[in-house]
Amino acid sequence: MKLNVDAMCFACGHDNPIGLKLRFALDGEDYVTSFEVRPEYQGWAGIAHGGLVATALDEVMARLLWERDINAITARLEVRYRKPVPVGEMLEIRGRITRRRPPVIETEATATTRAGEVVAEAKATSMLV
């Protein structure tokens, strides 16, 4: 099974009108993206919905594998929220590969504010397909 990317992905699709439209760049071994928490991304009033933060964390890890020509999908995702993220905050999301044991690849990611404060961390186990 070959995984394909198209323009309608919720996280990274350029043509998805309600998507995050994330853009990515390699920074050494890290894969990096950022996004502003807009009002439509809130859960509780004035606070980012945790599911959207989790989506960005998952996406940076999954896309890193794709970037490295590793055909894999997320099998398990564990997110640790450290602080609420206010609407209007710009988050930087960084992902990296931590372990390769085919057919399993392990990754980690962090979400950080402009001030450098870690607001969420994630670990993922992905399976080769």
C-alpha atoms as a PDB file:
ATOM      1  CA  MET A   1       0.000   0.000   0.000  1.00  0.00           C
ATOM      2  CA  LYS A   2       1.463   3.369  -1.010  1.00  0.00           C
ATOM      3  CA  LEU A   3       0.322   6.366   0.993  1.00  0.00           C
ATOM      4  CA  ASN A   4      -0.409   9.453  -1.097  1.00  0.00           C
ATOM      5  CA  VAL A   5      -0.759  13.097  -0.136  1.00  0.00           C
ATOM      6  CA  ASP A   6      -3.368  15.289  -1.780  1.00  0.00           C
ATOM      7  CA  ALA A   7      -4.531  18.839  -1.313  1.00  0.00           C
ATOM      8  CA  MET A   8      -7.506  17.919   0.931  1.00  0.00           C
ATOM      9  CA  CYS A   9      -5.669  16.667   4.019  1.00  0.00           C
ATOM     10  CA  PHE A  10      -7.197  18.425   7.048  1.00  0.00           C
ATOM     11  CA  ALA A  11      -3.795  19.224   8.527  1.00  0.00           C
ATOM     12  CA  CYS A  12      -1.689  20.045   5.458  1.00  0.00           C
ATOM     13  CA  GLY A  13      -4.022  20.291   2.466  1.00  0.00           C
ATOM     14  CA  HIS A  14      -3.716  23.553   0.530  1.00  0.00           C
ATOM     15  CA  ASP A  15      -7.227  23.153  -0.911  1.00  0.00           C
ATOM     16  CA  ASN A  16      -9.044  22.195   2.293  1.00  0.00           C
ATOM     17  CA  PRO A  17     -11.116  25.284   3.167  1.00  0.00           C
ATOM     18  CA  ILE A  18     -11.393  24.363   6.864  1.00  0.00           C
ATOM     19  CA  GLY A  19      -7.939  22.816   7.298  1.00  0.00           C
ATOM     20  CA  LEU A  20      -4.867  23.972   9.197  1.00  0.00           C
ATOM     21  CA  LYS A  21      -2.810  24.333   5.966  1.00  0.00           C
ATOM     22  CA  LEU A  22       0.388  23.416   7.781  1.00  0.00           C
ATOM     23  CA  ARG A  23       3.721  23.920   5.995  1.00  0.00           C
ATOM     24  CA  PHE A  24       6.806  21.946   6.966  1.00  0.00           C
ATOM     25  CA  ALA A  25      10.582  22.299   6.905  1.00  0.00           C
ATOM     26  CA  LEU A  26      13.485  20.140   7.967  1.00  0.00           C
ATOM     27  CA  ASP A  27      15.693  21.573  10.703  1.00  0.00           C
ATOM     28  CA  GLY A  28      18.501  19.048  11.149  1.00  0.00           C
ATOM     29  CA  GLU A  29      16.794  15.858  12.303  1.00  0.00           C
ATOM     30  CA  ASP A  30      13.630  17.731  13.327  1.00  0.00           C
ATOM     31  CA  TYR A  31      10.625  18.364  11.106  1.00  0.00           C
ATOM     32  CA  VAL A  32       8.996  21.696  11.959  1.00  0.00           C
ATOM     33  CA  THR A  33       5.694  23.460  11.371  1.00  0.00           C
ATOM     34  CA  SER A  34       3.780  26.249  13.065  1.00  0.00           C
ATOM     35  CA  PHE A  35       0.233  27.500  13.284  1.00  0.00           C
ATOM     36  CA  GLU A  36      -1.705  30.255  14.972  1.00  0.00           C
ATOM     37  CA  VAL A  37      -4.534  29.201  17.258  1.00  0.00           C
ATOM     38  CA  ARG A  38      -7.452  31.018  15.662  1.00  0.00           C
ATOM     39  CA  PRO A  39     -10.838  31.473  17.381  1.00  0.00           C
ATOM     40  CA  GLU A  40     -12.389  28.673  15.291  1.00  0.00           C
ATOM     41  CA  TYR A  41      -9.809  26.264  16.801  1.00  0.00           C
ATOM     42  CA  GLN A  42     -10.986  26.731  20.388  1.00  0.00           C
ATOM     43  CA  GLY A  43     -12.614  24.248  22.692  1.00  0.00           C
ATOM     44  CA  TRP A  44     -13.302  26.061  25.939  1.00  0.00           C
ATOM     45  CA  ALA A  45     -13.759  29.793  25.392  1.00  0.00           C
ATOM     46  CA  GLY A  46     -10.423  31.387  24.553  1.00  0.00           C
ATOM     47  CA  ILE A  47      -8.443  28.110  24.726  1.00  0.00           C
ATOM     48  CA  ALA A  48      -7.200  25.894  21.877  1.00  0.00           C
ATOM     49  CA  HIS A  49      -9.087  22.623  21.433  1.00  0.00           C
ATOM     50  CA  GLY A  50      -6.767  19.834  22.577  1.00  0.00           C
ATOM     51  CA  GLY A  51      -7.732  17.728  19.584  1.00  0.00           C
ATOM     52  CA  LEU A  52      -6.313  20.319  17.194  1.00  0.00           C
ATOM     53  CA  VAL A  53      -3.063  20.492  19.140  1.00  0.00           C
ATOM     54  CA  ALA A  54      -2.946  16.677  19.004  1.00  0.00           C
ATOM     55  CA  THR A  55      -3.636  16.799  15.258  1.00  0.00           C
ATOM     56  CA  ALA A  56      -0.678  19.125  14.668  1.00  0.00           C
ATOM     57  CA  LEU A  57       1.595  16.944  16.817  1.00  0.00           C
ATOM     58  CA  ASP A  58       0.495  13.787  14.994  1.00  0.00           C
ATOM     59  CA  GLU A  59       0.839  15.421  11.585  1.00  0.00           C
ATOM     60  CA  VAL A  60       4.414  16.619  12.090  1.00  0.00           C
ATOM     61  CA  MET A  61       5.461  13.100  13.110  1.00  0.00           C
ATOM     62  CA  ALA A  62       3.547  11.367  10.310  1.00  0.00           C
ATOM     63  CA  ARG A  63       4.759  13.811   7.669  1.00  0.00           C
ATOM     64  CA  LEU A  64       8.356  13.405   8.844  1.00  0.00           C
ATOM     65  CA  LEU A  65       8.107   9.704   8.091  1.00  0.00           C
ATOM     66  CA  TRP A  66       6.635  10.497   4.674  1.00  0.00           C
ATOM     67  CA  GLU A  67       9.453  13.017   4.057  1.00  0.00           C
ATOM     68  CA  ARG A  68      11.978  10.268   4.862  1.00  0.00           C
ATOM     69  CA  ASP A  69      10.237   7.853   2.426  1.00  0.00           C
ATOM     70  CA  ILE A  70       8.966   5.716   5.291  1.00  0.00           C
ATOM     71  CA  ASN A  71       5.517   4.461   4.295  1.00  0.00           C
ATOM     72  CA  ALA A  72       3.821   4.263   7.722  1.00  0.00           C
ATOM     73  CA  ILE A  73       0.644   5.263   9.559  1.00  0.00           C
ATOM     74  CA  THR A  74       0.056   6.177  13.197  1.00  0.00           C
ATOM     75  CA  ALA A  75      -0.826   3.127  15.275  1.00  0.00           C
ATOM     76  CA  ARG A  76      -0.727   4.785  18.699  1.00  0.00           C
ATOM     77  CA  LEU A  77      -0.591   8.419  19.776  1.00  0.00           C
ATOM     78  CA  GLU A  78       0.025   9.595  23.327  1.00  0.00           C
ATOM     79  CA  VAL A  79      -0.315  13.306  24.096  1.00  0.00           C
ATOM     80  CA  ARG A  80       0.626  15.077  27.299  1.00  0.00           C
ATOM     81  CA  TYR A  81      -0.831  18.556  27.670  1.00  0.00           C
ATOM     82  CA  ARG A  82       1.238  20.771  29.937  1.00  0.00           C
ATOM     83  CA  LYS A  83      -0.619  24.104  29.722  1.00  0.00           C
ATOM     84  CA  PRO A  84      -3.745  25.513  28.077  1.00  0.00           C
ATOM     85  CA  VAL A  85      -2.987  27.372  24.842  1.00  0.00           C
ATOM     86  CA  PRO A  86      -4.790  30.704  24.457  1.00  0.00           C
ATOM     87  CA  VAL A  87      -6.455  31.720  21.204  1.00  0.00           C
ATOM     88  CA  GLY A  88      -4.043  33.956  19.294  1.00  0.00           C
ATOM     89  CA  GLU A  89      -0.920  32.013  20.330  1.00  0.00           C
ATOM     90  CA  MET A  90       1.492  30.901  17.613  1.00  0.00           C
ATOM     91  CA  LEU A  91       2.700  27.336  18.187  1.00  0.00           C
ATOM     92  CA  GLU A  92       5.834  25.760  16.799  1.00  0.00           C
ATOM     93  CA  ILE A  93       5.567  21.992  16.437  1.00  0.00           C
ATOM     94  CA  ARG A  94       8.738  19.885  16.159  1.00  0.00           C
ATOM     95  CA  GLY A  95       8.874  16.175  15.447  1.00  0.00           C
ATOM     96  CA  ARG A  96      11.715  13.657  15.317  1.00  0.00           C
ATOM     97  CA  ILE A  97      12.279   9.947  14.851  1.00  0.00           C
ATOM     98  CA  THR A  98      13.440   8.321  18.088  1.00  0.00           C
ATOM     99  CA  ARG A  99      13.569   4.620  17.261  1.00  0.00           C
ATOM    100  CA  ARG A 100      13.311   2.296  14.278  1.00  0.00           C
ATOM    101  CA  ARG A 101      12.313  -1.330  14.834  1.00  0.00           C
ATOM    102  CA  PRO A 102      10.592  -2.401  11.622  1.00  0.00           C
ATOM    103  CA  PRO A 103       7.700  -2.776  11.253  1.00  0.00           C
ATOM    104  CA  VAL A 104       7.450  -0.099  13.982  1.00  0.00           C
ATOM    105  CA  ILE A 105       8.840   3.441  13.992  1.00  0.00           C
ATOM    106  CA  GLU A 106       8.704   5.602  17.128  1.00  0.00           C
ATOM    107  CA  THR A 107       8.553   9.397  17.022  1.00  0.00           C
ATOM    108  CA  GLU A 108       8.218  12.308  19.433  1.00  0.00           C
ATOM    109  CA  ALA A 109       6.966  15.875  19.019  1.00  0.00           C
ATOM    110  CA  THR A 110       6.658  19.046  21.070  1.00  0.00           C
ATOM    111  CA  ALA A 111       4.414  22.100  20.795  1.00  0.00           C
ATOM    112  CA  THR A 112       6.057  25.310  21.968  1.00  0.00           C
ATOM    113  CA  THR A 113       4.829  28.905  22.337  1.00  0.00           C
ATOM    114  CA  ARG A 114       6.579  31.997  20.962  1.00  0.00           C
ATOM    115  CA  ALA A 115       8.120  32.413  24.421  1.00  0.00           C
ATOM    116  CA  GLY A 116       9.637  28.921  24.186  1.00  0.00           C
ATOM    117  CA  GLU A 117       7.283  27.282  26.680  1.00  0.00           C
ATOM    118  CA  VAL A 118       6.388  23.651  25.972  1.00  0.00           C
ATOM    119  CA  VAL A 119       2.592  23.339  26.075  1.00  0.00           C
ATOM    120  CA  ALA A 120       2.209  19.763  24.793  1.00  0.00           C
ATOM    121  CA  GLU A 121       4.310  16.710  24.012  1.00  0.00           C
ATOM    122  CA  ALA A 122       3.492  13.601  22.043  1.00  0.00           C
ATOM    123  CA  LYS A 123       4.865  10.146  21.364  1.00  0.00           C
ATOM    124  CA  ALA A 124       3.692   8.064  18.447  1.00  0.00           C
ATOM    125  CA  THR A 125       4.165   4.509  17.318  1.00  0.00           C
ATOM    126  CA  SER A 126       3.731   4.127  13.569  1.00  0.00           C
ATOM    127  CA  MET A 127       3.478   0.925  11.564  1.00  0.00           C
ATOM    128  CA  LEU A 128       4.932   0.324   8.129  1.00  0.00           C
ATOM    129  CA  VAL A 129       2.251  -0.370   5.521  1.00  0.00           C
END
